[in-house]
Amino acid sequence: MALFVVQHPLKPGWVPTAKLGHTFGANAAAYAGDAGLPGGVNVFLDLEGVKGSTSESDVIDFCNVWFAEVESGGYETGVYVGAAPGLTADRLYWDLKTKHYWKGGIKF
C-alpha cells in the first residue's frame, strides 16, 4: 500500500512566491513529522487555482523551494496538477525538481 499526503493550496486566485514556498514547504515537512509519518513518505504539493497573471517563474520558484523544504525533512515530493496550475505541461515536467506527478481531470 502506498502512503502519501497532500498539502492543499490557498483559495483560487492565490499567488505563489519563493517566500511562500519556503513557508508552506517547511510547514508541510513539520506537520508530516508531527503526524508521525516516517521518512520517505510522498508529500504532494496541490498546485491549482493559481492567479492567471502570475509569472511562470514565480510558480516554478514556489514549487522548487517547496520541494527542497519537504525533502530536507526526509520526505519524497510530488506535485498534484489540478485546474489552473499556472504552468504548461512542458514547464511542469522540465522545470520542476520532483519525480512524482499526479494529474487531475484537466486538459493542457
N, C-alpha and C. Protein backbone atom coordinates (compact mmCIF):
# COMPACT_ATOMS: atom_id res chain seq x y z
N MET A 1 0.84 -1.18 0.00
CA MET A 1 0.00 0.00 0.00
C MET A 1 0.89 1.24 0.00
N ALA A 2 0.63 2.13 -0.93
CA ALA A 2 1.38 3.38 -1.00
C ALA A 2 0.78 4.39 -0.02
N LEU A 3 1.64 5.14 0.62
CA LEU A 3 1.18 6.16 1.56
C LEU A 3 1.67 7.51 1.05
N PHE A 4 0.75 8.44 0.95
CA PHE A 4 1.13 9.80 0.58
C PHE A 4 0.15 10.78 1.21
N VAL A 5 0.58 12.01 1.33
CA VAL A 5 -0.25 13.07 1.87
C VAL A 5 -0.18 14.25 0.91
N VAL A 6 -1.15 15.15 1.03
CA VAL A 6 -1.24 16.29 0.13
C VAL A 6 -1.39 17.57 0.94
N GLN A 7 -0.62 18.59 0.56
CA GLN A 7 -0.82 19.92 1.14
C GLN A 7 -1.62 20.73 0.13
N HIS A 8 -2.80 21.16 0.53
CA HIS A 8 -3.69 21.89 -0.36
C HIS A 8 -3.31 23.37 -0.43
N PRO A 9 -3.67 24.04 -1.55
CA PRO A 9 -3.32 25.45 -1.73
C PRO A 9 -4.31 26.37 -1.02
N LEU A 10 -4.03 27.63 -1.18
CA LEU A 10 -4.96 28.65 -0.71
C LEU A 10 -6.17 28.67 -1.64
N LYS A 11 -7.11 29.55 -1.38
CA LYS A 11 -8.30 29.67 -2.24
C LYS A 11 -7.88 30.05 -3.66
N PRO A 12 -8.70 29.70 -4.66
CA PRO A 12 -8.37 30.06 -6.05
C PRO A 12 -8.05 31.55 -6.18
N GLY A 13 -7.04 31.83 -6.99
CA GLY A 13 -6.58 33.20 -7.18
C GLY A 13 -5.35 33.54 -6.36
N TRP A 14 -4.76 32.55 -5.70
CA TRP A 14 -3.58 32.78 -4.88
C TRP A 14 -2.36 33.01 -5.77
N VAL A 15 -1.35 33.65 -5.21
CA VAL A 15 -0.14 34.00 -5.95
C VAL A 15 1.07 33.34 -5.28
N PRO A 16 1.66 32.33 -5.93
CA PRO A 16 2.83 31.67 -5.36
C PRO A 16 4.08 32.53 -5.48
N THR A 17 4.94 32.46 -4.46
CA THR A 17 6.24 33.12 -4.46
C THR A 17 7.25 32.18 -3.81
N ALA A 18 8.52 32.46 -4.00
CA ALA A 18 9.55 31.64 -3.36
C ALA A 18 9.42 31.70 -1.84
N LYS A 19 9.13 32.87 -1.30
CA LYS A 19 8.98 33.02 0.15
C LYS A 19 7.83 32.15 0.67
N LEU A 20 6.72 32.15 -0.06
CA LEU A 20 5.58 31.32 0.33
C LEU A 20 5.93 29.84 0.20
N GLY A 21 6.71 29.49 -0.82
CA GLY A 21 7.16 28.10 -0.98
C GLY A 21 7.97 27.64 0.21
N HIS A 22 8.82 28.52 0.71
CA HIS A 22 9.62 28.20 1.90
C HIS A 22 8.71 27.94 3.10
N THR A 23 7.77 28.84 3.34
CA THR A 23 6.88 28.71 4.49
C THR A 23 6.00 27.47 4.37
N PHE A 24 5.37 27.29 3.22
CA PHE A 24 4.48 26.15 3.04
C PHE A 24 5.24 24.83 3.08
N GLY A 25 6.41 24.78 2.45
CA GLY A 25 7.21 23.56 2.44
C GLY A 25 7.70 23.18 3.83
N ALA A 26 8.20 24.18 4.57
CA ALA A 26 8.66 23.92 5.94
C ALA A 26 7.51 23.42 6.79
N ASN A 27 6.33 24.03 6.63
CA ASN A 27 5.16 23.58 7.39
C ASN A 27 4.75 22.17 7.00
N ALA A 28 4.77 21.87 5.71
CA ALA A 28 4.38 20.52 5.25
C ALA A 28 5.29 19.46 5.87
N ALA A 29 6.59 19.73 5.87
CA ALA A 29 7.55 18.77 6.45
C ALA A 29 7.34 18.65 7.96
N ALA A 30 7.16 19.78 8.63
CA ALA A 30 6.97 19.76 10.08
C ALA A 30 5.68 19.03 10.46
N TYR A 31 4.60 19.33 9.75
CA TYR A 31 3.32 18.70 10.08
C TYR A 31 3.35 17.20 9.77
N ALA A 32 4.04 16.81 8.70
CA ALA A 32 4.17 15.38 8.39
C ALA A 32 4.91 14.68 9.53
N GLY A 33 5.96 15.31 10.03
CA GLY A 33 6.71 14.74 11.16
C GLY A 33 5.87 14.70 12.42
N ASP A 34 5.13 15.78 12.68
CA ASP A 34 4.27 15.83 13.86
C ASP A 34 3.18 14.76 13.82
N ALA A 35 2.76 14.41 12.59
CA ALA A 35 1.72 13.38 12.43
C ALA A 35 2.30 11.97 12.54
N GLY A 36 3.62 11.90 12.70
CA GLY A 36 4.26 10.60 12.85
C GLY A 36 4.54 9.87 11.55
N LEU A 37 4.49 10.59 10.43
CA LEU A 37 4.77 9.96 9.15
C LEU A 37 6.26 9.66 9.03
N PRO A 38 6.60 8.45 8.64
CA PRO A 38 8.02 8.10 8.52
C PRO A 38 8.67 8.78 7.32
N GLY A 39 9.98 8.94 7.40
CA GLY A 39 10.72 9.48 6.28
C GLY A 39 10.48 8.63 5.05
N GLY A 40 10.56 9.26 3.89
CA GLY A 40 10.36 8.56 2.63
C GLY A 40 8.93 8.57 2.13
N VAL A 41 7.98 8.99 2.97
CA VAL A 41 6.60 9.10 2.54
C VAL A 41 6.52 10.22 1.50
N ASN A 42 5.65 10.04 0.51
CA ASN A 42 5.46 11.05 -0.52
C ASN A 42 4.52 12.14 -0.03
N VAL A 43 5.02 13.38 -0.01
CA VAL A 43 4.21 14.54 0.34
C VAL A 43 3.99 15.32 -0.96
N PHE A 44 2.74 15.45 -1.35
CA PHE A 44 2.40 16.12 -2.60
C PHE A 44 1.99 17.57 -2.38
N LEU A 45 2.43 18.41 -3.29
CA LEU A 45 2.00 19.81 -3.36
C LEU A 45 0.81 19.86 -4.31
N ASP A 46 -0.31 20.36 -3.86
CA ASP A 46 -1.51 20.52 -4.69
C ASP A 46 -1.37 21.86 -5.40
N LEU A 47 -1.03 21.81 -6.68
CA LEU A 47 -0.80 23.02 -7.46
C LEU A 47 -2.01 23.30 -8.33
N GLU A 48 -2.87 24.17 -7.86
CA GLU A 48 -4.05 24.56 -8.62
C GLU A 48 -4.58 25.88 -8.09
N GLY A 49 -5.41 26.52 -8.91
CA GLY A 49 -6.03 27.77 -8.51
C GLY A 49 -5.10 28.96 -8.52
N VAL A 50 -3.98 28.85 -9.25
CA VAL A 50 -3.01 29.95 -9.31
C VAL A 50 -3.62 31.12 -10.09
N LYS A 51 -3.44 32.33 -9.57
CA LYS A 51 -3.94 33.53 -10.25
C LYS A 51 -3.36 33.59 -11.66
N GLY A 52 -4.21 33.83 -12.64
CA GLY A 52 -3.81 33.80 -14.05
C GLY A 52 -2.68 34.71 -14.44
N SER A 53 -2.51 35.82 -13.78
CA SER A 53 -1.46 36.77 -14.15
C SER A 53 -0.11 36.48 -13.49
N THR A 54 -0.03 35.41 -12.73
CA THR A 54 1.21 35.06 -12.04
C THR A 54 2.25 34.60 -13.06
N SER A 55 3.48 35.07 -12.92
CA SER A 55 4.54 34.66 -13.85
C SER A 55 4.90 33.20 -13.63
N GLU A 56 5.24 32.52 -14.72
CA GLU A 56 5.64 31.12 -14.61
C GLU A 56 6.86 30.97 -13.72
N SER A 57 7.78 31.93 -13.77
CA SER A 57 8.99 31.82 -12.94
C SER A 57 8.64 31.87 -11.45
N ASP A 58 7.63 32.64 -11.07
CA ASP A 58 7.21 32.67 -9.66
C ASP A 58 6.61 31.33 -9.24
N VAL A 59 5.83 30.71 -10.13
CA VAL A 59 5.24 29.40 -9.83
C VAL A 59 6.35 28.35 -9.68
N ILE A 60 7.31 28.37 -10.62
CA ILE A 60 8.43 27.43 -10.58
C ILE A 60 9.25 27.61 -9.31
N ASP A 61 9.56 28.86 -8.97
CA ASP A 61 10.32 29.13 -7.75
C ASP A 61 9.58 28.63 -6.52
N PHE A 62 8.29 28.91 -6.44
CA PHE A 62 7.48 28.44 -5.31
C PHE A 62 7.60 26.92 -5.17
N CYS A 63 7.37 26.23 -6.28
CA CYS A 63 7.37 24.75 -6.25
C CYS A 63 8.73 24.20 -5.85
N ASN A 64 9.79 24.70 -6.48
CA ASN A 64 11.12 24.14 -6.21
C ASN A 64 11.60 24.43 -4.80
N VAL A 65 11.26 25.59 -4.27
CA VAL A 65 11.60 25.88 -2.86
C VAL A 65 10.78 24.96 -1.96
N TRP A 66 9.50 24.77 -2.28
CA TRP A 66 8.65 23.86 -1.50
C TRP A 66 9.24 22.45 -1.50
N PHE A 67 9.63 21.95 -2.67
CA PHE A 67 10.23 20.61 -2.76
C PHE A 67 11.47 20.51 -1.89
N ALA A 68 12.34 21.51 -1.95
CA ALA A 68 13.58 21.49 -1.16
C ALA A 68 13.29 21.43 0.33
N GLU A 69 12.31 22.19 0.78
CA GLU A 69 11.95 22.19 2.20
C GLU A 69 11.42 20.83 2.64
N VAL A 70 10.55 20.26 1.84
CA VAL A 70 9.95 18.97 2.20
C VAL A 70 11.02 17.88 2.18
N GLU A 71 11.88 17.89 1.17
CA GLU A 71 12.96 16.90 1.09
C GLU A 71 13.93 17.03 2.27
N SER A 72 14.15 18.26 2.74
CA SER A 72 15.05 18.44 3.88
C SER A 72 14.47 17.81 5.15
N GLY A 73 13.15 17.59 5.16
CA GLY A 73 12.51 16.90 6.28
C GLY A 73 12.54 15.39 6.14
N GLY A 74 13.14 14.89 5.05
CA GLY A 74 13.27 13.45 4.86
C GLY A 74 12.15 12.80 4.06
N TYR A 75 11.35 13.62 3.40
CA TYR A 75 10.21 13.09 2.64
C TYR A 75 10.47 13.18 1.14
N GLU A 76 9.77 12.32 0.39
CA GLU A 76 9.75 12.40 -1.06
C GLU A 76 8.75 13.49 -1.44
N THR A 77 8.92 14.08 -2.61
CA THR A 77 7.98 15.12 -3.04
C THR A 77 7.26 14.70 -4.31
N GLY A 78 6.15 15.34 -4.52
CA GLY A 78 5.38 15.17 -5.74
C GLY A 78 4.49 16.38 -5.92
N VAL A 79 3.93 16.49 -7.11
CA VAL A 79 3.03 17.60 -7.39
C VAL A 79 1.73 17.05 -7.97
N TYR A 80 0.62 17.47 -7.37
CA TYR A 80 -0.70 17.18 -7.91
C TYR A 80 -1.05 18.37 -8.80
N VAL A 81 -1.33 18.09 -10.07
CA VAL A 81 -1.63 19.15 -11.02
C VAL A 81 -3.13 19.21 -11.22
N GLY A 82 -3.74 20.22 -10.62
CA GLY A 82 -5.17 20.42 -10.75
C GLY A 82 -5.48 21.54 -11.74
N ALA A 83 -6.66 22.09 -11.65
CA ALA A 83 -7.07 23.17 -12.54
C ALA A 83 -6.28 24.44 -12.25
N ALA A 84 -5.89 25.13 -13.30
CA ALA A 84 -5.16 26.41 -13.21
C ALA A 84 -3.86 26.29 -12.41
N PRO A 85 -2.94 25.41 -12.85
CA PRO A 85 -1.68 25.27 -12.12
C PRO A 85 -0.69 26.41 -12.36
N GLY A 86 -0.94 27.21 -13.38
CA GLY A 86 -0.03 28.32 -13.66
C GLY A 86 1.16 27.95 -14.52
N LEU A 87 1.24 26.70 -14.95
CA LEU A 87 2.35 26.23 -15.79
C LEU A 87 1.83 25.33 -16.90
N THR A 88 2.52 25.33 -18.01
CA THR A 88 2.20 24.40 -19.09
C THR A 88 2.73 23.02 -18.73
N ALA A 89 2.29 22.02 -19.46
CA ALA A 89 2.77 20.66 -19.22
C ALA A 89 4.29 20.58 -19.37
N ASP A 90 4.84 21.24 -20.38
CA ASP A 90 6.30 21.23 -20.57
C ASP A 90 7.02 21.86 -19.39
N ARG A 91 6.54 22.98 -18.91
CA ARG A 91 7.19 23.65 -17.77
C ARG A 91 7.08 22.79 -16.50
N LEU A 92 5.93 22.15 -16.32
CA LEU A 92 5.77 21.25 -15.16
C LEU A 92 6.82 20.15 -15.19
N TYR A 93 7.03 19.58 -16.36
CA TYR A 93 7.97 18.45 -16.47
C TYR A 93 9.43 18.89 -16.44
N TRP A 94 9.77 19.90 -17.21
CA TRP A 94 11.18 20.26 -17.37
C TRP A 94 11.73 21.16 -16.27
N ASP A 95 10.89 21.95 -15.64
CA ASP A 95 11.39 22.95 -14.69
C ASP A 95 11.18 22.63 -13.22
N LEU A 96 10.31 21.68 -12.91
CA LEU A 96 10.09 21.34 -11.51
C LEU A 96 11.03 20.23 -11.07
N LYS A 97 11.55 20.37 -9.86
CA LYS A 97 12.54 19.43 -9.32
C LYS A 97 11.87 18.37 -8.45
N THR A 98 11.01 17.60 -9.07
CA THR A 98 10.37 16.47 -8.41
C THR A 98 10.25 15.34 -9.42
N LYS A 99 10.10 14.14 -8.93
CA LYS A 99 9.98 12.98 -9.82
C LYS A 99 8.56 12.44 -9.87
N HIS A 100 7.69 12.93 -9.02
CA HIS A 100 6.36 12.35 -8.90
C HIS A 100 5.28 13.35 -9.30
N TYR A 101 4.41 12.90 -10.20
CA TYR A 101 3.32 13.74 -10.70
C TYR A 101 2.00 13.00 -10.55
N TRP A 102 0.96 13.76 -10.27
CA TRP A 102 -0.38 13.23 -10.14
C TRP A 102 -1.29 14.25 -10.81
N LYS A 103 -1.93 13.87 -11.90
CA LYS A 103 -2.72 14.80 -12.68
C LYS A 103 -4.21 14.63 -12.41
N GLY A 104 -4.87 15.76 -12.16
CA GLY A 104 -6.31 15.75 -12.01
C GLY A 104 -6.97 15.69 -13.38
N GLY A 105 -8.26 15.76 -13.41
CA GLY A 105 -9.00 15.67 -14.66
C GLY A 105 -9.00 16.97 -15.44
N ILE A 106 -7.80 17.40 -15.87
CA ILE A 106 -7.68 18.65 -16.62
C ILE A 106 -7.02 18.39 -17.96
N LYS A 107 -7.17 19.36 -18.85
CA LYS A 107 -6.50 19.29 -20.15
C LYS A 107 -5.58 20.49 -20.27
N PHE A 108 -4.44 20.27 -20.91
CA PHE A 108 -3.49 21.37 -21.13
C PHE A 108 -3.69 21.93 -22.50
